[in-house]
Amino acid sequence: MRLMHVKKYELLVSLASMAMLGYLVWHGFYGTRGYPYRDKLALQLDVLKVESDGIMKQRQAIEARVKLLRPESIDPDYLDELARRDLFLVKATDVIVTFSK
């Protein structure tokens, strides 16, 4: 009689453990932090890498323009272009040709 009583508890513990394991496995595959969520994050990572690459190219272009204005390596033509464009330092005899981008 005692042996049968112990087996019932072992069976209940085993079933409860299997139920908890099944619950965790189900949430691992289909839950809010499961495989679909991981795939969504991987897609977001790809999009952000492309965006980051674009920003890095912009930064490099800006750094190249800033380098032209450093006192040790000033480019007189670029400085003249900036002064004419941004400060409106244009002589009356100058001809300005603009190109649309």
N, C-alpha and C. Protein backbone atom coordinates (compact mmCIF):
# COMPACT_ATOMS: atom_id res chain seq x y z
N MET A 1 0.82 -1.19 0.00
CA MET A 1 0.00 0.00 0.00
C MET A 1 0.87 1.26 0.00
N ARG A 2 1.92 1.25 0.77
CA ARG A 2 2.82 2.40 0.87
C ARG A 2 3.54 2.65 -0.45
N LEU A 3 3.92 1.58 -1.13
CA LEU A 3 4.63 1.68 -2.41
C LEU A 3 3.74 2.33 -3.46
N MET A 4 2.50 2.04 -3.50
CA MET A 4 1.57 2.60 -4.47
C MET A 4 1.40 4.10 -4.21
N HIS A 5 1.42 4.52 -2.97
CA HIS A 5 1.26 5.92 -2.59
C HIS A 5 2.46 6.75 -3.08
N VAL A 6 3.65 6.23 -2.99
CA VAL A 6 4.87 6.91 -3.43
C VAL A 6 4.86 7.05 -4.95
N LYS A 7 4.45 6.06 -5.65
CA LYS A 7 4.43 6.09 -7.11
C LYS A 7 3.48 7.17 -7.63
N LYS A 8 2.35 7.39 -6.92
CA LYS A 8 1.42 8.43 -7.34
C LYS A 8 2.09 9.80 -7.28
N TYR A 9 2.84 10.06 -6.22
CA TYR A 9 3.54 11.35 -6.09
C TYR A 9 4.63 11.49 -7.15
N GLU A 10 5.33 10.41 -7.43
CA GLU A 10 6.36 10.46 -8.47
C GLU A 10 5.72 10.77 -9.82
N LEU A 11 4.58 10.17 -10.07
CA LEU A 11 3.88 10.43 -11.32
C LEU A 11 3.41 11.89 -11.37
N LEU A 12 2.88 12.41 -10.28
CA LEU A 12 2.43 13.81 -10.25
C LEU A 12 3.60 14.77 -10.43
N VAL A 13 4.73 14.49 -9.78
CA VAL A 13 5.91 15.35 -9.92
C VAL A 13 6.43 15.29 -11.35
N SER A 14 6.45 14.12 -11.93
CA SER A 14 6.91 13.98 -13.32
C SER A 14 5.99 14.73 -14.28
N LEU A 15 4.68 14.59 -14.09
CA LEU A 15 3.74 15.30 -14.95
C LEU A 15 3.85 16.82 -14.79
N ALA A 16 4.00 17.27 -13.57
CA ALA A 16 4.14 18.71 -13.32
C ALA A 16 5.44 19.22 -13.95
N SER A 17 6.52 18.46 -13.83
CA SER A 17 7.80 18.86 -14.43
C SER A 17 7.70 18.90 -15.95
N MET A 18 7.04 17.92 -16.53
CA MET A 18 6.87 17.90 -17.98
C MET A 18 5.99 19.06 -18.44
N ALA A 19 4.98 19.39 -17.66
CA ALA A 19 4.11 20.51 -18.01
C ALA A 19 4.89 21.83 -17.97
N MET A 20 5.72 22.02 -16.95
CA MET A 20 6.53 23.23 -16.87
C MET A 20 7.55 23.28 -18.01
N LEU A 21 8.16 22.17 -18.32
CA LEU A 21 9.11 22.11 -19.43
C LEU A 21 8.41 22.42 -20.75
N GLY A 22 7.23 21.87 -20.95
CA GLY A 22 6.45 22.16 -22.16
C GLY A 22 6.10 23.64 -22.25
N TYR A 23 5.73 24.22 -21.13
CA TYR A 23 5.41 25.65 -21.08
C TYR A 23 6.62 26.48 -21.50
N LEU A 24 7.78 26.16 -20.96
CA LEU A 24 9.00 26.91 -21.28
C LEU A 24 9.41 26.73 -22.75
N VAL A 25 9.28 25.51 -23.25
CA VAL A 25 9.62 25.25 -24.65
C VAL A 25 8.66 26.00 -25.57
N TRP A 26 7.37 25.97 -25.27
CA TRP A 26 6.40 26.68 -26.09
C TRP A 26 6.72 28.17 -26.14
N HIS A 27 7.02 28.76 -24.98
CA HIS A 27 7.34 30.19 -24.95
C HIS A 27 8.68 30.48 -25.62
N GLY A 28 9.59 29.52 -25.62
CA GLY A 28 10.85 29.70 -26.33
C GLY A 28 10.66 29.81 -27.83
N PHE A 29 9.70 29.07 -28.36
CA PHE A 29 9.46 29.10 -29.80
C PHE A 29 8.45 30.15 -30.21
N TYR A 30 7.37 30.30 -29.45
CA TYR A 30 6.26 31.14 -29.89
C TYR A 30 5.98 32.34 -28.99
N GLY A 31 6.70 32.49 -27.91
CA GLY A 31 6.42 33.57 -26.96
C GLY A 31 6.90 34.92 -27.47
N THR A 32 6.72 35.93 -26.64
CA THR A 32 7.08 37.29 -27.03
C THR A 32 8.58 37.47 -27.20
N ARG A 33 9.39 36.62 -26.62
CA ARG A 33 10.85 36.70 -26.77
C ARG A 33 11.41 35.47 -27.46
N GLY A 34 10.60 34.81 -28.26
CA GLY A 34 11.01 33.57 -28.93
C GLY A 34 11.71 33.83 -30.25
N TYR A 35 11.69 32.83 -31.10
CA TYR A 35 12.37 32.91 -32.39
C TYR A 35 11.83 34.00 -33.31
N PRO A 36 10.53 34.20 -33.40
CA PRO A 36 10.06 35.31 -34.25
C PRO A 36 10.60 36.67 -33.79
N TYR A 37 10.70 36.86 -32.48
CA TYR A 37 11.25 38.10 -31.94
C TYR A 37 12.72 38.24 -32.32
N ARG A 38 13.46 37.14 -32.25
CA ARG A 38 14.87 37.16 -32.61
C ARG A 38 15.04 37.50 -34.09
N ASP A 39 14.19 36.96 -34.93
CA ASP A 39 14.24 37.27 -36.36
C ASP A 39 13.93 38.74 -36.62
N LYS A 40 12.96 39.27 -35.88
CA LYS A 40 12.61 40.68 -36.01
C LYS A 40 13.79 41.56 -35.59
N LEU A 41 14.47 41.19 -34.52
CA LEU A 41 15.65 41.95 -34.08
C LEU A 41 16.78 41.88 -35.09
N ALA A 42 16.96 40.71 -35.72
CA ALA A 42 18.01 40.57 -36.74
C ALA A 42 17.71 41.48 -37.94
N LEU A 43 16.44 41.58 -38.32
CA LEU A 43 16.05 42.45 -39.42
C LEU A 43 16.29 43.91 -39.05
N GLN A 44 15.93 44.28 -37.83
CA GLN A 44 16.18 45.64 -37.35
C GLN A 44 17.66 45.95 -37.35
N LEU A 45 18.47 44.98 -36.96
CA LEU A 45 19.92 45.17 -36.94
C LEU A 45 20.46 45.44 -38.33
N ASP A 46 19.96 44.72 -39.32
CA ASP A 46 20.39 44.95 -40.71
C ASP A 46 20.03 46.35 -41.18
N VAL A 47 18.81 46.79 -40.86
CA VAL A 47 18.37 48.13 -41.25
C VAL A 47 19.24 49.19 -40.58
N LEU A 48 19.53 49.00 -39.30
CA LEU A 48 20.34 49.97 -38.57
C LEU A 48 21.79 49.99 -39.06
N LYS A 49 22.31 48.83 -39.50
CA LYS A 49 23.67 48.81 -40.05
C LYS A 49 23.73 49.62 -41.34
N VAL A 50 22.72 49.48 -42.19
CA VAL A 50 22.68 50.26 -43.44
C VAL A 50 22.60 51.75 -43.13
N GLU A 51 21.76 52.10 -42.16
CA GLU A 51 21.63 53.50 -41.76
C GLU A 51 22.94 54.02 -41.18
N SER A 52 23.60 53.21 -40.38
CA SER A 52 24.87 53.59 -39.79
C SER A 52 25.94 53.80 -40.86
N ASP A 53 25.96 52.94 -41.87
CA ASP A 53 26.92 53.10 -42.96
C ASP A 53 26.70 54.43 -43.68
N GLY A 54 25.44 54.78 -43.92
CA GLY A 54 25.13 56.05 -44.57
C GLY A 54 25.59 57.24 -43.74
N ILE A 55 25.37 57.16 -42.43
CA ILE A 55 25.79 58.24 -41.54
C ILE A 55 27.30 58.34 -41.50
N MET A 56 27.99 57.20 -41.51
CA MET A 56 29.46 57.23 -41.51
C MET A 56 30.00 57.87 -42.79
N LYS A 57 29.36 57.61 -43.93
CA LYS A 57 29.78 58.24 -45.19
C LYS A 57 29.58 59.75 -45.12
N GLN A 58 28.45 60.18 -44.55
CA GLN A 58 28.22 61.61 -44.39
C GLN A 58 29.28 62.24 -43.50
N ARG A 59 29.61 61.54 -42.42
CA ARG A 59 30.61 62.06 -41.50
C ARG A 59 31.97 62.19 -42.18
N GLN A 60 32.33 61.19 -42.97
CA GLN A 60 33.61 61.24 -43.67
C GLN A 60 33.64 62.40 -44.67
N ALA A 61 32.51 62.65 -45.33
CA ALA A 61 32.45 63.77 -46.27
C ALA A 61 32.61 65.10 -45.53
N ILE A 62 31.96 65.22 -44.39
CA ILE A 62 32.08 66.46 -43.59
C ILE A 62 33.49 66.63 -43.08
N GLU A 63 34.11 65.53 -42.61
CA GLU A 63 35.49 65.61 -42.13
C GLU A 63 36.44 66.03 -43.25
N ALA A 64 36.19 65.56 -44.47
CA ALA A 64 37.04 65.95 -45.60
C ALA A 64 36.90 67.45 -45.87
N ARG A 65 35.67 67.98 -45.78
CA ARG A 65 35.47 69.41 -45.99
C ARG A 65 36.11 70.22 -44.88
N VAL A 66 36.03 69.75 -43.64
CA VAL A 66 36.65 70.45 -42.51
C VAL A 66 38.17 70.44 -42.65
N LYS A 67 38.70 69.35 -43.14
CA LYS A 67 40.15 69.25 -43.31
C LYS A 67 40.66 70.32 -44.27
N LEU A 68 39.85 70.67 -45.26
CA LEU A 68 40.25 71.71 -46.21
C LEU A 68 40.31 73.09 -45.57
N LEU A 69 39.67 73.26 -44.42
CA LEU A 69 39.63 74.56 -43.76
C LEU A 69 40.59 74.66 -42.58
N ARG A 70 41.34 73.65 -42.29
CA ARG A 70 42.29 73.71 -41.17
C ARG A 70 43.40 74.68 -41.52
N PRO A 71 43.89 75.42 -40.53
CA PRO A 71 44.91 76.44 -40.81
C PRO A 71 46.19 75.90 -41.48
N GLU A 72 46.58 74.69 -41.14
CA GLU A 72 47.82 74.15 -41.73
C GLU A 72 47.64 73.67 -43.17
N SER A 73 46.39 73.49 -43.60
CA SER A 73 46.18 73.00 -44.97
C SER A 73 44.96 73.67 -45.62
N ILE A 74 44.90 74.98 -45.53
CA ILE A 74 43.74 75.68 -46.08
C ILE A 74 43.81 75.66 -47.61
N ASP A 75 42.69 75.37 -48.23
CA ASP A 75 42.59 75.38 -49.68
C ASP A 75 41.99 76.73 -50.09
N PRO A 76 42.79 77.58 -50.74
CA PRO A 76 42.30 78.93 -51.05
C PRO A 76 41.05 78.93 -51.95
N ASP A 77 40.98 78.02 -52.89
CA ASP A 77 39.81 77.98 -53.77
C ASP A 77 38.54 77.61 -53.00
N TYR A 78 38.66 76.64 -52.10
CA TYR A 78 37.50 76.23 -51.32
C TYR A 78 37.09 77.35 -50.36
N LEU A 79 38.05 78.03 -49.76
CA LEU A 79 37.75 79.13 -48.87
C LEU A 79 37.06 80.26 -49.63
N ASP A 80 37.52 80.56 -50.85
CA ASP A 80 36.90 81.59 -51.68
C ASP A 80 35.46 81.19 -52.02
N GLU A 81 35.27 79.93 -52.36
CA GLU A 81 33.93 79.44 -52.69
C GLU A 81 32.98 79.58 -51.50
N LEU A 82 33.46 79.21 -50.31
CA LEU A 82 32.62 79.34 -49.11
C LEU A 82 32.29 80.79 -48.80
N ALA A 83 33.28 81.66 -48.92
CA ALA A 83 33.04 83.08 -48.62
C ALA A 83 32.02 83.66 -49.58
N ARG A 84 32.13 83.32 -50.84
CA ARG A 84 31.18 83.86 -51.82
C ARG A 84 29.78 83.29 -51.60
N ARG A 85 29.69 82.01 -51.32
CA ARG A 85 28.39 81.38 -51.18
C ARG A 85 27.70 81.73 -49.86
N ASP A 86 28.43 81.58 -48.75
CA ASP A 86 27.80 81.74 -47.44
C ASP A 86 27.77 83.17 -46.94
N LEU A 87 28.78 83.97 -47.28
CA LEU A 87 28.84 85.34 -46.77
C LEU A 87 28.43 86.37 -47.82
N PHE A 88 28.07 85.89 -48.98
CA PHE A 88 27.63 86.75 -50.09
C PHE A 88 28.68 87.81 -50.43
N LEU A 89 29.95 87.40 -50.38
CA LEU A 89 31.03 88.31 -50.76
C LEU A 89 31.28 88.16 -52.25
N VAL A 90 30.48 88.85 -53.04
CA VAL A 90 30.57 88.76 -54.49
C VAL A 90 30.81 90.16 -55.03
N LYS A 91 31.74 90.24 -55.96
CA LYS A 91 32.01 91.53 -56.60
C LYS A 91 30.95 91.79 -57.67
N ALA A 92 30.78 93.02 -58.04
CA ALA A 92 29.78 93.38 -59.04
C ALA A 92 30.13 92.82 -60.41
N THR A 93 31.41 92.55 -60.64
CA THR A 93 31.82 92.06 -61.96
C THR A 93 31.83 90.53 -62.04
N ASP A 94 31.55 89.85 -60.94
CA ASP A 94 31.56 88.39 -60.93
C ASP A 94 30.33 87.82 -61.62
N VAL A 95 30.52 86.74 -62.30
CA VAL A 95 29.41 86.01 -62.91
C VAL A 95 29.22 84.72 -62.12
N ILE A 96 28.01 84.48 -61.66
CA ILE A 96 27.73 83.31 -60.84
C ILE A 96 26.89 82.33 -61.65
N VAL A 97 27.38 81.11 -61.73
CA VAL A 97 26.67 80.04 -62.43
C VAL A 97 26.32 78.99 -61.38
N THR A 98 25.03 78.66 -61.26
CA THR A 98 24.62 77.65 -60.30
C THR A 98 24.11 76.42 -61.04
N PHE A 99 24.34 75.29 -60.47
CA PHE A 99 23.89 74.02 -61.03
C PHE A 99 22.92 73.38 -60.06
N SER A 100 21.82 72.87 -60.57
CA SER A 100 20.87 72.19 -59.70
C SER A 100 21.36 70.76 -59.47
N LYS A 101 21.09 70.26 -58.29
CA LYS A 101 21.55 68.91 -57.93
C LYS A 101 20.49 67.90 -58.22
